[in-house]
Amino acid sequence: MDLEKIELIFEKFKQSNPIPRIELSYTNHFTLLIAIILSARTTDVSVNKITKELFGITDTPEKMLNLGQSGLKKYISSIGLYNSKAKNIIELSGILIERYNSKVPANFDDLVSLPGVGRKSANVFLNTGFSIPTLAVDTHVFRVSNRIGLIKEKDVFKTEKSLLDVVPKKYLLYAHRWLVLHGRYVCRAQKPSCETCMIRDLCEFECKSYKI
């Protein structure tokens, strides 16, 4: 896809939703990171249901550590992979206290060294928590960016690198959120809503349907 079309796509996203918000609920940097970890292979809606009560009593690493792994499991047992998530969150809380003065680091390498924090989670955290113009690639971003023709890559890492090369810097702060929301509500994995898509005239998806 040429750069002019890419510019137009993100300009349309911006005009429609100038300041897109992450759909996870959180109260500070610590709860943001925990919510991101909990959201792996789970919907934001499901995570928000359990964190409403959880974050009321554990909004610091110290409080989370005091809750303990078994106590945490009682709050998060309704979501996928809760056993491993509980283990990672408790270990992470201890590390934040010991190494980072109970603060979540604003550094990519430090973040990915924490239990349960991968490349995508670190980028989402830095983008949301510190307004760093980076781009996290989740299932929505991977699907949408390749489907509409922004890039053509076959793995997540190459998709991230390619998007960082082609997305105009002035749109990079919100690019991840625009692509996520577009993939979640319009360009869905099954039955994308091409007929209501704001970028249908710019999209290069071969199977798109027009019902105008």
C-alpha atoms as a PDB file:
ATOM      1  CA  MET A   1       0.000   0.000   0.000  1.00  0.00           C
ATOM      2  CA  ASP A   2       1.369   3.420  -0.898  1.00  0.00           C
ATOM      3  CA  LEU A   3       2.060   6.003   1.785  1.00  0.00           C
ATOM      4  CA  GLU A   4      -0.670   8.350   0.562  1.00  0.00           C
ATOM      5  CA  LYS A   5      -3.359   5.727   1.200  1.00  0.00           C
ATOM      6  CA  ILE A   6      -1.879   4.898   4.597  1.00  0.00           C
ATOM      7  CA  GLU A   7      -1.999   8.588   5.512  1.00  0.00           C
ATOM      8  CA  LEU A   8      -5.655   8.770   4.466  1.00  0.00           C
ATOM      9  CA  ILE A   9      -6.575   5.664   6.484  1.00  0.00           C
ATOM     10  CA  PHE A  10      -5.156   7.040   9.717  1.00  0.00           C
ATOM     11  CA  GLU A  11      -6.572  10.481   9.070  1.00  0.00           C
ATOM     12  CA  LYS A  12     -10.025   8.890   8.806  1.00  0.00           C
ATOM     13  CA  PHE A  13      -9.439   7.023  12.056  1.00  0.00           C
ATOM     14  CA  LYS A  14      -8.379  10.284  13.705  1.00  0.00           C
ATOM     15  CA  GLN A  15     -11.389  12.221  12.450  1.00  0.00           C
ATOM     16  CA  SER A  16     -13.739   9.513  13.702  1.00  0.00           C
ATOM     17  CA  ASN A  17     -12.088   9.068  17.110  1.00  0.00           C
ATOM     18  CA  PRO A  18      -9.433  11.730  17.854  1.00  0.00           C
ATOM     19  CA  ILE A  19      -8.320  10.336  21.226  1.00  0.00           C
ATOM     20  CA  PRO A  20      -9.145   6.613  21.398  1.00  0.00           C
ATOM     21  CA  ARG A  21      -9.091   5.090  24.870  1.00  0.00           C
ATOM     22  CA  ILE A  22      -7.906   1.672  25.946  1.00  0.00           C
ATOM     23  CA  GLU A  23     -10.935  -0.353  27.060  1.00  0.00           C
ATOM     24  CA  LEU A  24      -9.280  -1.865  30.130  1.00  0.00           C
ATOM     25  CA  SER A  25     -10.129  -0.217  33.457  1.00  0.00           C
ATOM     26  CA  TYR A  26      -7.249   0.833  35.721  1.00  0.00           C
ATOM     27  CA  THR A  27      -6.369   3.407  38.379  1.00  0.00           C
ATOM     28  CA  ASN A  28      -2.575   3.757  38.198  1.00  0.00           C
ATOM     29  CA  HIS A  29       0.475   2.329  36.434  1.00  0.00           C
ATOM     30  CA  PHE A  30       0.506  -0.802  38.574  1.00  0.00           C
ATOM     31  CA  THR A  31      -3.149  -1.667  37.975  1.00  0.00           C
ATOM     32  CA  LEU A  32      -2.721  -0.878  34.262  1.00  0.00           C
ATOM     33  CA  LEU A  33       0.076  -3.437  33.994  1.00  0.00           C
ATOM     34  CA  ILE A  34      -1.920  -6.022  35.947  1.00  0.00           C
ATOM     35  CA  ALA A  35      -4.985  -5.470  33.745  1.00  0.00           C
ATOM     36  CA  ILE A  36      -2.860  -5.923  30.618  1.00  0.00           C
ATOM     37  CA  ILE A  37      -1.420  -9.179  31.962  1.00  0.00           C
ATOM     38  CA  LEU A  38      -4.886 -10.449  32.862  1.00  0.00           C
ATOM     39  CA  SER A  39      -6.213  -9.596  29.395  1.00  0.00           C
ATOM     40  CA  ALA A  40      -4.048 -12.185  27.631  1.00  0.00           C
ATOM     41  CA  ARG A  41      -6.403 -14.552  25.765  1.00  0.00           C
ATOM     42  CA  THR A  42      -9.317 -12.926  27.578  1.00  0.00           C
ATOM     43  CA  THR A  43     -11.658 -10.115  26.594  1.00  0.00           C
ATOM     44  CA  ASP A  44     -11.327  -6.674  28.144  1.00  0.00           C
ATOM     45  CA  VAL A  45     -14.945  -6.944  29.267  1.00  0.00           C
ATOM     46  CA  SER A  46     -14.176 -10.090  31.272  1.00  0.00           C
ATOM     47  CA  VAL A  47     -11.105  -8.505  32.831  1.00  0.00           C
ATOM     48  CA  ASN A  48     -12.963  -5.343  33.826  1.00  0.00           C
ATOM     49  CA  LYS A  49     -15.577  -7.413  35.612  1.00  0.00           C
ATOM     50  CA  ILE A  50     -13.014  -8.942  37.965  1.00  0.00           C
ATOM     51  CA  THR A  51     -10.696  -5.965  38.401  1.00  0.00           C
ATOM     52  CA  LYS A  52     -13.472  -3.661  39.583  1.00  0.00           C
ATOM     53  CA  GLU A  53     -13.370  -5.432  42.929  1.00  0.00           C
ATOM     54  CA  LEU A  54      -9.731  -6.578  42.806  1.00  0.00           C
ATOM     55  CA  PHE A  55      -8.276  -3.106  42.282  1.00  0.00           C
ATOM     56  CA  GLY A  56     -10.363  -1.793  45.147  1.00  0.00           C
ATOM     57  CA  ILE A  57      -8.144  -3.738  47.544  1.00  0.00           C
ATOM     58  CA  THR A  58      -4.888  -4.253  45.610  1.00  0.00           C
ATOM     59  CA  ASP A  59      -3.728  -1.115  43.816  1.00  0.00           C
ATOM     60  CA  THR A  60      -0.056  -1.415  44.864  1.00  0.00           C
ATOM     61  CA  PRO A  61       2.548  -4.188  44.620  1.00  0.00           C
ATOM     62  CA  GLU A  62       2.582  -4.447  48.431  1.00  0.00           C
ATOM     63  CA  LYS A  63      -1.161  -5.029  48.661  1.00  0.00           C
ATOM     64  CA  MET A  64      -1.016  -7.574  45.841  1.00  0.00           C
ATOM     65  CA  LEU A  65       1.831  -9.431  47.524  1.00  0.00           C
ATOM     66  CA  ASN A  66      -0.104  -9.489  50.789  1.00  0.00           C
ATOM     67  CA  LEU A  67      -3.131 -10.927  48.990  1.00  0.00           C
ATOM     68  CA  GLY A  68      -0.979 -13.811  47.842  1.00  0.00           C
ATOM     69  CA  GLN A  69      -1.344 -16.249  45.000  1.00  0.00           C
ATOM     70  CA  SER A  70      -4.251 -18.226  46.436  1.00  0.00           C
ATOM     71  CA  GLY A  71      -6.085 -15.046  47.396  1.00  0.00           C
ATOM     72  CA  LEU A  72      -5.590 -13.586  43.925  1.00  0.00           C
ATOM     73  CA  LYS A  73      -6.924 -16.727  42.264  1.00  0.00           C
ATOM     74  CA  LYS A  74     -10.260 -16.263  44.013  1.00  0.00           C
ATOM     75  CA  TYR A  75     -10.719 -12.964  42.176  1.00  0.00           C
ATOM     76  CA  ILE A  76      -9.480 -14.033  38.735  1.00  0.00           C
ATOM     77  CA  SER A  77     -10.652 -17.659  38.464  1.00  0.00           C
ATOM     78  CA  SER A  78     -13.306 -16.745  35.891  1.00  0.00           C
ATOM     79  CA  ILE A  79     -10.747 -15.859  33.207  1.00  0.00           C
ATOM     80  CA  GLY A  80      -8.415 -18.028  31.148  1.00  0.00           C
ATOM     81  CA  LEU A  81      -4.951 -19.053  32.357  1.00  0.00           C
ATOM     82  CA  TYR A  82      -5.706 -17.729  35.822  1.00  0.00           C
ATOM     83  CA  ASN A  83      -3.264 -20.083  37.559  1.00  0.00           C
ATOM     84  CA  SER A  84      -0.234 -18.916  35.592  1.00  0.00           C
ATOM     85  CA  LYS A  85      -1.410 -15.292  35.666  1.00  0.00           C
ATOM     86  CA  ALA A  86      -1.728 -15.379  39.462  1.00  0.00           C
ATOM     87  CA  LYS A  87       1.766 -16.860  39.791  1.00  0.00           C
ATOM     88  CA  ASN A  88       3.290 -14.253  37.483  1.00  0.00           C
ATOM     89  CA  ILE A  89       1.495 -11.302  39.098  1.00  0.00           C
ATOM     90  CA  ILE A  90       2.607 -12.220  42.608  1.00  0.00           C
ATOM     91  CA  GLU A  91       6.209 -12.750  41.454  1.00  0.00           C
ATOM     92  CA  LEU A  92       6.094  -9.484  39.507  1.00  0.00           C
ATOM     93  CA  SER A  93       4.816  -7.607  42.547  1.00  0.00           C
ATOM     94  CA  GLY A  94       7.736  -8.834  44.625  1.00  0.00           C
ATOM     95  CA  ILE A  95      10.225  -7.791  41.942  1.00  0.00           C
ATOM     96  CA  LEU A  96       8.713  -4.312  41.661  1.00  0.00           C
ATOM     97  CA  ILE A  97       9.113  -3.850  45.414  1.00  0.00           C
ATOM     98  CA  GLU A  98      12.680  -5.196  45.557  1.00  0.00           C
ATOM     99  CA  ARG A  99      14.166  -3.700  42.383  1.00  0.00           C
ATOM    100  CA  TYR A 100      12.046  -0.735  41.338  1.00  0.00           C
ATOM    101  CA  ASN A 101      10.889   0.916  44.577  1.00  0.00           C
ATOM    102  CA  SER A 102       7.357  -0.376  43.919  1.00  0.00           C
ATOM    103  CA  LYS A 103       7.118   1.535  40.634  1.00  0.00           C
ATOM    104  CA  VAL A 104       6.532   0.017  37.202  1.00  0.00           C
ATOM    105  CA  PRO A 105       9.561   0.787  35.011  1.00  0.00           C
ATOM    106  CA  ALA A 106       9.109   2.924  31.910  1.00  0.00           C
ATOM    107  CA  ASN A 107      11.702   0.937  30.021  1.00  0.00           C
ATOM    108  CA  PHE A 108      10.957  -1.794  27.488  1.00  0.00           C
ATOM    109  CA  ASP A 109      13.819  -4.113  28.459  1.00  0.00           C
ATOM    110  CA  ASP A 110      12.964  -3.883  32.156  1.00  0.00           C
ATOM    111  CA  LEU A 111       9.300  -4.539  31.447  1.00  0.00           C
ATOM    112  CA  VAL A 112       9.829  -7.680  29.356  1.00  0.00           C
ATOM    113  CA  SER A 113      12.091  -9.062  32.088  1.00  0.00           C
ATOM    114  CA  LEU A 114       9.093  -9.147  34.451  1.00  0.00           C
ATOM    115  CA  PRO A 115       7.071 -12.389  34.810  1.00  0.00           C
ATOM    116  CA  GLY A 116       4.064 -12.459  32.486  1.00  0.00           C
ATOM    117  CA  VAL A 117       5.120  -9.403  30.472  1.00  0.00           C
ATOM    118  CA  GLY A 118       5.864 -10.041  26.822  1.00  0.00           C
ATOM    119  CA  ARG A 119       6.617  -7.716  23.937  1.00  0.00           C
ATOM    120  CA  LYS A 120       2.974  -6.878  23.236  1.00  0.00           C
ATOM    121  CA  SER A 121       2.152  -6.205  26.903  1.00  0.00           C
ATOM    122  CA  ALA A 122       5.201  -3.990  27.348  1.00  0.00           C
ATOM    123  CA  ASN A 123       4.333  -1.916  24.299  1.00  0.00           C
ATOM    124  CA  VAL A 124       0.700  -1.528  25.355  1.00  0.00           C
ATOM    125  CA  PHE A 125       1.844  -0.392  28.794  1.00  0.00           C
ATOM    126  CA  LEU A 126       4.380   2.128  27.489  1.00  0.00           C
ATOM    127  CA  ASN A 127       1.922   3.491  24.946  1.00  0.00           C
ATOM    128  CA  THR A 128      -0.952   3.819  27.424  1.00  0.00           C
ATOM    129  CA  GLY A 129       0.836   4.587  30.657  1.00  0.00           C
ATOM    130  CA  PHE A 130       3.584   6.889  29.386  1.00  0.00           C
ATOM    131  CA  SER A 131       2.228   8.053  25.996  1.00  0.00           C
ATOM    132  CA  ILE A 132       5.225   6.599  24.192  1.00  0.00           C
ATOM    133  CA  PRO A 133       4.530   6.373  20.438  1.00  0.00           C
ATOM    134  CA  THR A 134       5.064   2.669  20.028  1.00  0.00           C
ATOM    135  CA  LEU A 135       2.909  -0.004  18.448  1.00  0.00           C
ATOM    136  CA  ALA A 136       1.823  -3.235  20.109  1.00  0.00           C
ATOM    137  CA  VAL A 137       0.715  -6.064  17.836  1.00  0.00           C
ATOM    138  CA  ASP A 138      -2.131  -8.185  19.192  1.00  0.00           C
ATOM    139  CA  THR A 139      -4.467 -10.445  17.228  1.00  0.00           C
ATOM    140  CA  HIS A 140      -6.584  -7.489  16.037  1.00  0.00           C
ATOM    141  CA  VAL A 141      -3.640  -5.376  14.901  1.00  0.00           C
ATOM    142  CA  PHE A 142      -2.032  -8.334  13.137  1.00  0.00           C
ATOM    143  CA  ARG A 143      -5.234  -9.263  11.314  1.00  0.00           C
ATOM    144  CA  VAL A 144      -6.376  -5.777  10.355  1.00  0.00           C
ATOM    145  CA  SER A 145      -3.023  -4.394   9.237  1.00  0.00           C
ATOM    146  CA  ASN A 146      -2.366  -7.388   6.998  1.00  0.00           C
ATOM    147  CA  ARG A 147      -5.946  -7.739   5.771  1.00  0.00           C
ATOM    148  CA  ILE A 148      -6.444  -4.150   4.659  1.00  0.00           C
ATOM    149  CA  GLY A 149      -2.993  -4.019   3.083  1.00  0.00           C
ATOM    150  CA  LEU A 150      -1.050  -1.699   5.365  1.00  0.00           C
ATOM    151  CA  ILE A 151       1.682  -4.327   5.394  1.00  0.00           C
ATOM    152  CA  LYS A 152       2.092  -7.945   4.304  1.00  0.00           C
ATOM    153  CA  GLU A 153       3.824  -9.987   6.969  1.00  0.00           C
ATOM    154  CA  LYS A 154       3.415 -13.487   8.329  1.00  0.00           C
ATOM    155  CA  ASP A 155       4.516 -13.087  11.929  1.00  0.00           C
ATOM    156  CA  VAL A 156       3.888 -10.670  14.772  1.00  0.00           C
ATOM    157  CA  PHE A 157       7.432  -9.321  15.154  1.00  0.00           C
ATOM    158  CA  LYS A 158       7.794  -8.472  11.455  1.00  0.00           C
ATOM    159  CA  THR A 159       4.330  -6.907  11.524  1.00  0.00           C
ATOM    160  CA  GLU A 160       5.390  -4.632  14.388  1.00  0.00           C
ATOM    161  CA  LYS A 161       8.585  -3.571  12.642  1.00  0.00           C
ATOM    162  CA  SER A 162       6.859  -2.980   9.305  1.00  0.00           C
ATOM    163  CA  LEU A 163       4.068  -0.928  10.884  1.00  0.00           C
ATOM    164  CA  LEU A 164       6.601   1.242  12.705  1.00  0.00           C
ATOM    165  CA  ASP A 165       8.168   1.922   9.299  1.00  0.00           C
ATOM    166  CA  VAL A 166       4.981   2.799   7.397  1.00  0.00           C
ATOM    167  CA  VAL A 167       2.658   4.457   9.931  1.00  0.00           C
ATOM    168  CA  PRO A 168       3.229   8.245   9.821  1.00  0.00           C
ATOM    169  CA  LYS A 169       4.822   9.373  13.087  1.00  0.00           C
ATOM    170  CA  LYS A 170       2.058  11.905  13.765  1.00  0.00           C
ATOM    171  CA  TYR A 171      -0.433   9.016  14.070  1.00  0.00           C
ATOM    172  CA  LEU A 172       1.792   6.565  15.925  1.00  0.00           C
ATOM    173  CA  LEU A 173       0.638   7.431  19.447  1.00  0.00           C
ATOM    174  CA  TYR A 174      -2.885   6.161  18.770  1.00  0.00           C
ATOM    175  CA  ALA A 175      -2.281   3.768  15.852  1.00  0.00           C
ATOM    176  CA  HIS A 176      -2.467   0.653  18.024  1.00  0.00           C
ATOM    177  CA  ARG A 177      -5.771   1.665  19.599  1.00  0.00           C
ATOM    178  CA  TRP A 178      -7.352   2.645  16.281  1.00  0.00           C
ATOM    179  CA  LEU A 179      -6.422  -0.696  14.736  1.00  0.00           C
ATOM    180  CA  VAL A 180      -7.605  -2.642  17.794  1.00  0.00           C
ATOM    181  CA  LEU A 181     -10.978  -0.902  17.868  1.00  0.00           C
ATOM    182  CA  HIS A 182     -11.400  -1.295  14.117  1.00  0.00           C
ATOM    183  CA  GLY A 183     -10.643  -5.005  14.405  1.00  0.00           C
ATOM    184  CA  ARG A 184     -12.876  -5.474  17.423  1.00  0.00           C
ATOM    185  CA  TYR A 185     -15.980  -3.759  16.085  1.00  0.00           C
ATOM    186  CA  VAL A 186     -15.726  -3.498  12.291  1.00  0.00           C
ATOM    187  CA  CYS A 187     -12.981  -5.577  10.667  1.00  0.00           C
ATOM    188  CA  ARG A 188     -13.794  -8.665  12.723  1.00  0.00           C
ATOM    189  CA  ALA A 189     -12.140 -12.032  12.139  1.00  0.00           C
ATOM    190  CA  GLN A 190     -15.440 -13.551  11.069  1.00  0.00           C
ATOM    191  CA  LYS A 191     -17.875 -11.570   8.917  1.00  0.00           C
ATOM    192  CA  PRO A 192     -16.150  -8.179   8.767  1.00  0.00           C
ATOM    193  CA  SER A 193     -18.607  -5.307   8.375  1.00  0.00           C
ATOM    194  CA  CYS A 194     -17.258  -4.021   5.084  1.00  0.00           C
ATOM    195  CA  GLU A 195     -20.534  -2.270   4.303  1.00  0.00           C
ATOM    196  CA  THR A 196     -20.116   0.079   7.292  1.00  0.00           C
ATOM    197  CA  CYS A 197     -16.333   0.433   7.152  1.00  0.00           C
ATOM    198  CA  MET A 198     -15.074   4.024   7.018  1.00  0.00           C
ATOM    199  CA  ILE A 199     -11.966   2.995   5.068  1.00  0.00           C
ATOM    200  CA  ARG A 200     -13.618   0.609   2.608  1.00  0.00           C
ATOM    201  CA  ASP A 201     -12.561   2.800  -0.340  1.00  0.00           C
ATOM    202  CA  LEU A 202      -8.917   2.509   0.728  1.00  0.00           C
ATOM    203  CA  CYS A 203      -8.900  -1.124   1.874  1.00  0.00           C
ATOM    204  CA  GLU A 204      -7.115  -3.735  -0.256  1.00  0.00           C
ATOM    205  CA  PHE A 205      -8.909  -6.758   1.198  1.00  0.00           C
ATOM    206  CA  GLU A 206      -9.765  -8.896  -1.826  1.00  0.00           C
ATOM    207  CA  CYS A 207     -12.909 -10.421  -0.307  1.00  0.00           C
ATOM    208  CA  LYS A 208     -14.515  -7.216   0.918  1.00  0.00           C
ATOM    209  CA  SER A 209     -18.158  -6.739   0.056  1.00  0.00           C
ATOM    210  CA  TYR A 210     -19.906  -3.467  -0.718  1.00  0.00           C
ATOM    211  CA  LYS A 211     -23.494  -3.029   0.390  1.00  0.00           C
ATOM    212  CA  ILE A 212     -24.054   0.663  -0.002  1.00  0.00           C
END
